[in-house]
PDB file of N, CA and C in Angstrom:
ATOM      1  N   UNK A   1       0.829  -1.182   0.000  1.00  0.00           N
ATOM      2  CA  UNK A   1       0.000   0.000   0.000  1.00  0.00           C
ATOM      3  C   UNK A   1       0.881   1.255   0.000  1.00  0.00           C
ATOM      4  N   UNK A   2       1.957   1.222   0.775  1.00  0.00           N
ATOM      5  CA  UNK A   2       2.851   2.372   0.826  1.00  0.00           C
ATOM      6  C   UNK A   2       3.508   2.604  -0.534  1.00  0.00           C
ATOM      7  N   UNK A   3       3.853   1.513  -1.204  1.00  0.00           N
ATOM      8  CA  UNK A   3       4.470   1.630  -2.526  1.00  0.00           C
ATOM      9  C   UNK A   3       3.513   2.300  -3.513  1.00  0.00           C
ATOM     10  N   UNK A   4       2.248   1.924  -3.467  1.00  0.00           N
ATOM     11  CA  UNK A   4       1.276   2.509  -4.393  1.00  0.00           C
ATOM     12  C   UNK A   4       1.085   3.996  -4.119  1.00  0.00           C
ATOM     13  N   UNK A   5       1.084   4.376  -2.848  1.00  0.00           N
ATOM     14  CA  UNK A   5       0.978   5.800  -2.518  1.00  0.00           C
ATOM     15  C   UNK A   5       2.163   6.585  -3.063  1.00  0.00           C
ATOM     16  N   UNK A   6       3.363   6.016  -2.930  1.00  0.00           N
ATOM     17  CA  UNK A   6       4.561   6.695  -3.460  1.00  0.00           C
ATOM     18  C   UNK A   6       4.503   6.800  -4.979  1.00  0.00           C
ATOM     19  N   UNK A   7       4.015   5.761  -5.643  1.00  0.00           N
ATOM     20  CA  UNK A   7       3.909   5.805  -7.100  1.00  0.00           C
ATOM     21  C   UNK A   7       2.937   6.892  -7.547  1.00  0.00           C
ATOM     22  N   UNK A   8       1.827   7.035  -6.847  1.00  0.00           N
ATOM     23  CA  UNK A   8       0.862   8.080  -7.182  1.00  0.00           C
ATOM     24  C   UNK A   8       1.483   9.452  -6.962  1.00  0.00           C
ATOM     25  N   UNK A   9       2.186   9.611  -5.841  1.00  0.00           N
ATOM     26  CA  UNK A   9       2.837  10.885  -5.548  1.00  0.00           C
ATOM     27  C   UNK A   9       3.883  11.230  -6.605  1.00  0.00           C
ATOM     28  N   UNK A  10       4.685  10.254  -7.003  1.00  0.00           N
ATOM     29  CA  UNK A  10       5.705  10.499  -8.023  1.00  0.00           C
ATOM     30  C   UNK A  10       5.086  10.812  -9.385  1.00  0.00           C
ATOM     31  N   UNK A  11       3.984  10.159  -9.715  1.00  0.00           N
ATOM     32  CA  UNK A  11       3.311  10.450 -10.974  1.00  0.00           C
ATOM     33  C   UNK A  11       2.732  11.861 -10.976  1.00  0.00           C
ATOM     34  N   UNK A  12       2.156  12.283  -9.847  1.00  0.00           N
ATOM     35  CA  UNK A  12       1.647  13.654  -9.752  1.00  0.00           C
ATOM     36  C   UNK A  12       2.786  14.666  -9.840  1.00  0.00           C
ATOM     37  N   UNK A  13       3.905  14.350  -9.212  1.00  0.00           N
ATOM     38  CA  UNK A  13       5.072  15.218  -9.292  1.00  0.00           C
ATOM     39  C   UNK A  13       5.581  15.304 -10.733  1.00  0.00           C
ATOM     40  N   UNK A  14       5.554  14.178 -11.444  1.00  0.00           N
ATOM     41  CA  UNK A  14       5.947  14.182 -12.851  1.00  0.00           C
ATOM     42  C   UNK A  14       5.037  15.054 -13.699  1.00  0.00           C
ATOM     43  N   UNK A  15       3.752  15.035 -13.409  1.00  0.00           N
ATOM     44  CA  UNK A  15       2.811  15.881 -14.141  1.00  0.00           C
ATOM     45  C   UNK A  15       3.087  17.358 -13.862  1.00  0.00           C
ATOM     46  N   UNK A  16       3.388  17.684 -12.606  1.00  0.00           N
ATOM     47  CA  UNK A  16       3.701  19.073 -12.253  1.00  0.00           C
ATOM     48  C   UNK A  16       4.969  19.534 -12.967  1.00  0.00           C
ATOM     49  N   UNK A  17       5.972  18.685 -12.998  1.00  0.00           N
ATOM     50  CA  UNK A  17       7.219  19.035 -13.690  1.00  0.00           C
ATOM     51  C   UNK A  17       6.957  19.222 -15.182  1.00  0.00           C
ATOM     52  N   UNK A  18       6.134  18.374 -15.748  1.00  0.00           N
ATOM     53  CA  UNK A  18       5.805  18.507 -17.159  1.00  0.00           C
ATOM     54  C   UNK A  18       5.093  19.830 -17.441  1.00  0.00           C
ATOM     55  N   UNK A  19       4.168  20.225 -16.572  1.00  0.00           N
ATOM     56  CA  UNK A  19       3.489  21.509 -16.750  1.00  0.00           C
ATOM     57  C   UNK A  19       4.453  22.677 -16.567  1.00  0.00           C
ATOM     58  N   UNK A  20       5.429  22.518 -15.692  1.00  0.00           N
ATOM     59  CA  UNK A  20       6.431  23.573 -15.528  1.00  0.00           C
ATOM     60  C   UNK A  20       7.288  23.708 -16.793  1.00  0.00           C
ATOM     61  N   UNK A  21       7.643  22.575 -17.397  1.00  0.00           N
ATOM     62  CA  UNK A  21       8.373  22.631 -18.666  1.00  0.00           C
ATOM     63  C   UNK A  21       7.535  23.305 -19.750  1.00  0.00           C
ATOM     64  N   UNK A  22       6.234  23.005 -19.755  1.00  0.00           N
ATOM     65  CA  UNK A  22       5.348  23.646 -20.730  1.00  0.00           C
ATOM     66  C   UNK A  22       5.302  25.157 -20.506  1.00  0.00           C
ATOM     67  N   UNK A  23       5.219  25.562 -19.240  1.00  0.00           N
ATOM     68  CA  UNK A  23       5.181  26.995 -18.939  1.00  0.00           C
ATOM     69  C   UNK A  23       6.492  27.674 -19.331  1.00  0.00           C
ATOM     70  N   UNK A  24       7.589  26.955 -19.185  1.00  0.00           N
ATOM     71  CA  UNK A  24       8.886  27.537 -19.508  1.00  0.00           C
ATOM     72  C   UNK A  24       9.197  27.569 -20.988  1.00  0.00           C
ATOM     73  N   UNK A  25       8.782  26.536 -21.714  1.00  0.00           N
ATOM     74  CA  UNK A  25       9.152  26.439 -23.130  1.00  0.00           C
ATOM     75  C   UNK A  25       8.001  26.751 -24.077  1.00  0.00           C
ATOM     76  N   UNK A  26       6.772  26.502 -23.655  1.00  0.00           N
ATOM     77  CA  UNK A  26       5.625  26.721 -24.520  1.00  0.00           C
ATOM     78  C   UNK A  26       5.392  25.588 -25.512  1.00  0.00           C
ATOM     79  N   UNK A  27       6.129  24.485 -25.368  1.00  0.00           N
ATOM     80  CA  UNK A  27       5.963  23.347 -26.275  1.00  0.00           C
ATOM     81  C   UNK A  27       4.755  22.514 -25.851  1.00  0.00           C
ATOM     82  N   UNK A  28       3.898  22.249 -26.815  1.00  0.00           N
ATOM     83  CA  UNK A  28       2.643  21.541 -26.547  1.00  0.00           C
ATOM     84  C   UNK A  28       2.858  20.106 -26.084  1.00  0.00           C
ATOM     85  N   UNK A  29       3.982  19.490 -26.448  1.00  0.00           N
ATOM     86  CA  UNK A  29       4.189  18.090 -26.073  1.00  0.00           C
ATOM     87  C   UNK A  29       4.279  17.915 -24.558  1.00  0.00           C
ATOM     88  N   UNK A  30       4.824  18.911 -23.848  1.00  0.00           N
ATOM     89  CA  UNK A  30       4.897  18.823 -22.394  1.00  0.00           C
ATOM     90  C   UNK A  30       3.509  18.943 -21.774  1.00  0.00           C
ATOM     91  N   UNK A  31       2.690  19.799 -22.309  1.00  0.00           N
ATOM     92  CA  UNK A  31       1.322  19.948 -21.809  1.00  0.00           C
ATOM     93  C   UNK A  31       0.525  18.666 -22.050  1.00  0.00           C
ATOM     94  N   UNK A  32       0.655  18.106 -23.237  1.00  0.00           N
ATOM     95  CA  UNK A  32      -0.069  16.881 -23.583  1.00  0.00           C
ATOM     96  C   UNK A  32       0.378  15.723 -22.679  1.00  0.00           C
ATOM     97  N   UNK A  33       1.694  15.592 -22.471  1.00  0.00           N
ATOM     98  CA  UNK A  33       2.200  14.525 -21.605  1.00  0.00           C
ATOM     99  C   UNK A  33       1.722  14.712 -20.167  1.00  0.00           C
ATOM    100  N   UNK A  34       1.735  15.953 -19.682  1.00  0.00           N
ATOM    101  CA  UNK A  34       1.279  16.237 -18.331  1.00  0.00           C
ATOM    102  C   UNK A  34      -0.187  15.896 -18.135  1.00  0.00           C
ATOM    103  N   UNK A  35      -1.017  16.221 -19.119  1.00  0.00           N
ATOM    104  CA  UNK A  35      -2.448  15.908 -19.016  1.00  0.00           C
ATOM    105  C   UNK A  35      -2.709  14.407 -19.052  1.00  0.00           C
ATOM    106  N   UNK A  36      -1.986  13.695 -19.903  1.00  0.00           N
ATOM    107  CA  UNK A  36      -2.150  12.237 -19.969  1.00  0.00           C
ATOM    108  C   UNK A  36      -1.705  11.597 -18.659  1.00  0.00           C
ATOM    109  N   UNK A  37      -0.568  12.045 -18.149  1.00  0.00           N
ATOM    110  CA  UNK A  37      -0.061  11.499 -16.890  1.00  0.00           C
ATOM    111  C   UNK A  37      -1.006  11.817 -15.737  1.00  0.00           C
ATOM    112  N   UNK A  38      -1.538  13.009 -15.697  1.00  0.00           N
ATOM    113  CA  UNK A  38      -2.481  13.395 -14.649  1.00  0.00           C
ATOM    114  C   UNK A  38      -3.760  12.568 -14.733  1.00  0.00           C
ATOM    115  N   UNK A  39      -4.267  12.363 -15.939  1.00  0.00           N
ATOM    116  CA  UNK A  39      -5.501  11.589 -16.114  1.00  0.00           C
ATOM    117  C   UNK A  39      -5.331  10.161 -15.605  1.00  0.00           C
ATOM    118  N   UNK A  40      -4.273   9.479 -16.010  1.00  0.00           N
ATOM    119  CA  UNK A  40      -4.078   8.093 -15.604  1.00  0.00           C
ATOM    120  C   UNK A  40      -3.723   7.970 -14.130  1.00  0.00           C
ATOM    121  N   UNK A  41      -3.062   8.971 -13.593  1.00  0.00           N
ATOM    122  CA  UNK A  41      -2.770   8.958 -12.160  1.00  0.00           C
ATOM    123  C   UNK A  41      -4.055   9.080 -11.350  1.00  0.00           C
ATOM    124  N   UNK A  42      -4.941   9.977 -11.755  1.00  0.00           N
ATOM    125  CA  UNK A  42      -6.208  10.132 -11.042  1.00  0.00           C
ATOM    126  C   UNK A  42      -7.082   8.892 -11.164  1.00  0.00           C
ATOM    127  N   UNK A  43      -7.090   8.257 -12.320  1.00  0.00           N
ATOM    128  CA  UNK A  43      -7.855   7.019 -12.500  1.00  0.00           C
ATOM    129  C   UNK A  43      -7.318   5.929 -11.578  1.00  0.00           C
ATOM    130  N   UNK A  44      -5.998   5.802 -11.512  1.00  0.00           N
ATOM    131  CA  UNK A  44      -5.387   4.799 -10.636  1.00  0.00           C
ATOM    132  C   UNK A  44      -5.661   5.108  -9.166  1.00  0.00           C
ATOM    133  N   UNK A  45      -5.587   6.376  -8.792  1.00  0.00           N
ATOM    134  CA  UNK A  45      -5.838   6.753  -7.398  1.00  0.00           C
ATOM    135  C   UNK A  45      -7.286   6.487  -7.009  1.00  0.00           C
ATOM    136  N   UNK A  46      -8.228   6.841  -7.864  1.00  0.00           N
ATOM    137  CA  UNK A  46      -9.636   6.575  -7.563  1.00  0.00           C
ATOM    138  C   UNK A  46      -9.897   5.078  -7.450  1.00  0.00           C
ATOM    139  N   UNK A  47      -9.292   4.302  -8.313  1.00  0.00           N
ATOM    140  CA  UNK A  47      -9.438   2.845  -8.230  1.00  0.00           C
ATOM    141  C   UNK A  47      -8.861   2.293  -6.947  1.00  0.00           C
ATOM    142  N   UNK A  48      -7.694   2.792  -6.564  1.00  0.00           N
ATOM    143  CA  UNK A  48      -7.043   2.345  -5.340  1.00  0.00           C
ATOM    144  C   UNK A  48      -7.898   2.657  -4.115  1.00  0.00           C
ATOM    145  N   UNK A  49      -8.402   3.877  -4.040  1.00  0.00           N
ATOM    146  CA  UNK A  49      -9.211   4.245  -2.887  1.00  0.00           C
ATOM    147  C   UNK A  49     -10.578   3.566  -2.904  1.00  0.00           C
ATOM    148  N   UNK A  50     -11.095   3.270  -4.077  1.00  0.00           N
ATOM    149  CA  UNK A  50     -12.356   2.518  -4.145  1.00  0.00           C
ATOM    150  C   UNK A  50     -12.163   1.117  -3.579  1.00  0.00           C
ATOM    151  N   UNK A  51     -11.035   0.492  -3.886  1.00  0.00           N
ATOM    152  CA  UNK A  51     -10.750  -0.832  -3.328  1.00  0.00           C
ATOM    153  C   UNK A  51     -10.608  -0.754  -1.820  1.00  0.00           C
ATOM    154  N   UNK A  52      -9.937   0.288  -1.321  1.00  0.00           N
ATOM    155  CA  UNK A  52      -9.809   0.438   0.138  1.00  0.00           C
ATOM    156  C   UNK A  52     -11.157   0.624   0.820  1.00  0.00           C
ATOM    157  N   UNK A  53     -12.031   1.416   0.205  1.00  0.00           N
ATOM    158  CA  UNK A  53     -13.360   1.630   0.783  1.00  0.00           C
ATOM    159  C   UNK A  53     -14.179   0.344   0.762  1.00  0.00           C
ATOM    160  N   UNK A  54     -14.143  -0.369  -0.352  1.00  0.00           N
ATOM    161  CA  UNK A  54     -14.882  -1.635  -0.427  1.00  0.00           C
ATOM    162  C   UNK A  54     -14.337  -2.662   0.551  1.00  0.00           C
ATOM    163  N   UNK A  55     -13.040  -2.635   0.783  1.00  0.00           N
ATOM    164  CA  UNK A  55     -12.440  -3.562   1.728  1.00  0.00           C
ATOM    165  C   UNK A  55     -12.908  -3.270   3.160  1.00  0.00           C
ATOM    166  N   UNK A  56     -13.061  -2.005   3.475  1.00  0.00           N
ATOM    167  CA  UNK A  56     -13.524  -1.636   4.825  1.00  0.00           C
ATOM    168  C   UNK A  56     -15.000  -1.977   5.018  1.00  0.00           C
ATOM    169  N   UNK A  57     -15.798  -1.888   3.953  1.00  0.00           N
ATOM    170  CA  UNK A  57     -17.218  -2.179   4.072  1.00  0.00           C
ATOM    171  C   UNK A  57     -17.481  -3.671   4.242  1.00  0.00           C
ATOM    172  N   UNK A  58     -16.609  -4.476   3.650  1.00  0.00           N
ATOM    173  CA  UNK A  58     -16.844  -5.922   3.655  1.00  0.00           C
ATOM    174  C   UNK A  58     -16.301  -6.670   4.801  1.00  0.00           C
TER     175      UNK A  58
END
């Protein structure tokens, strides 16, 4: 569980760094990569927390 939390944190940090590169350079590829990384990180986080909630209910 701790490993998954760290992976989510690192993925969010990667998205922030990508957006910072986009702000600094103006290249669309950094913005696109940041949005894709953010989307999949949020999907994984919601899935992870849904499993934790279902585990507590059962």
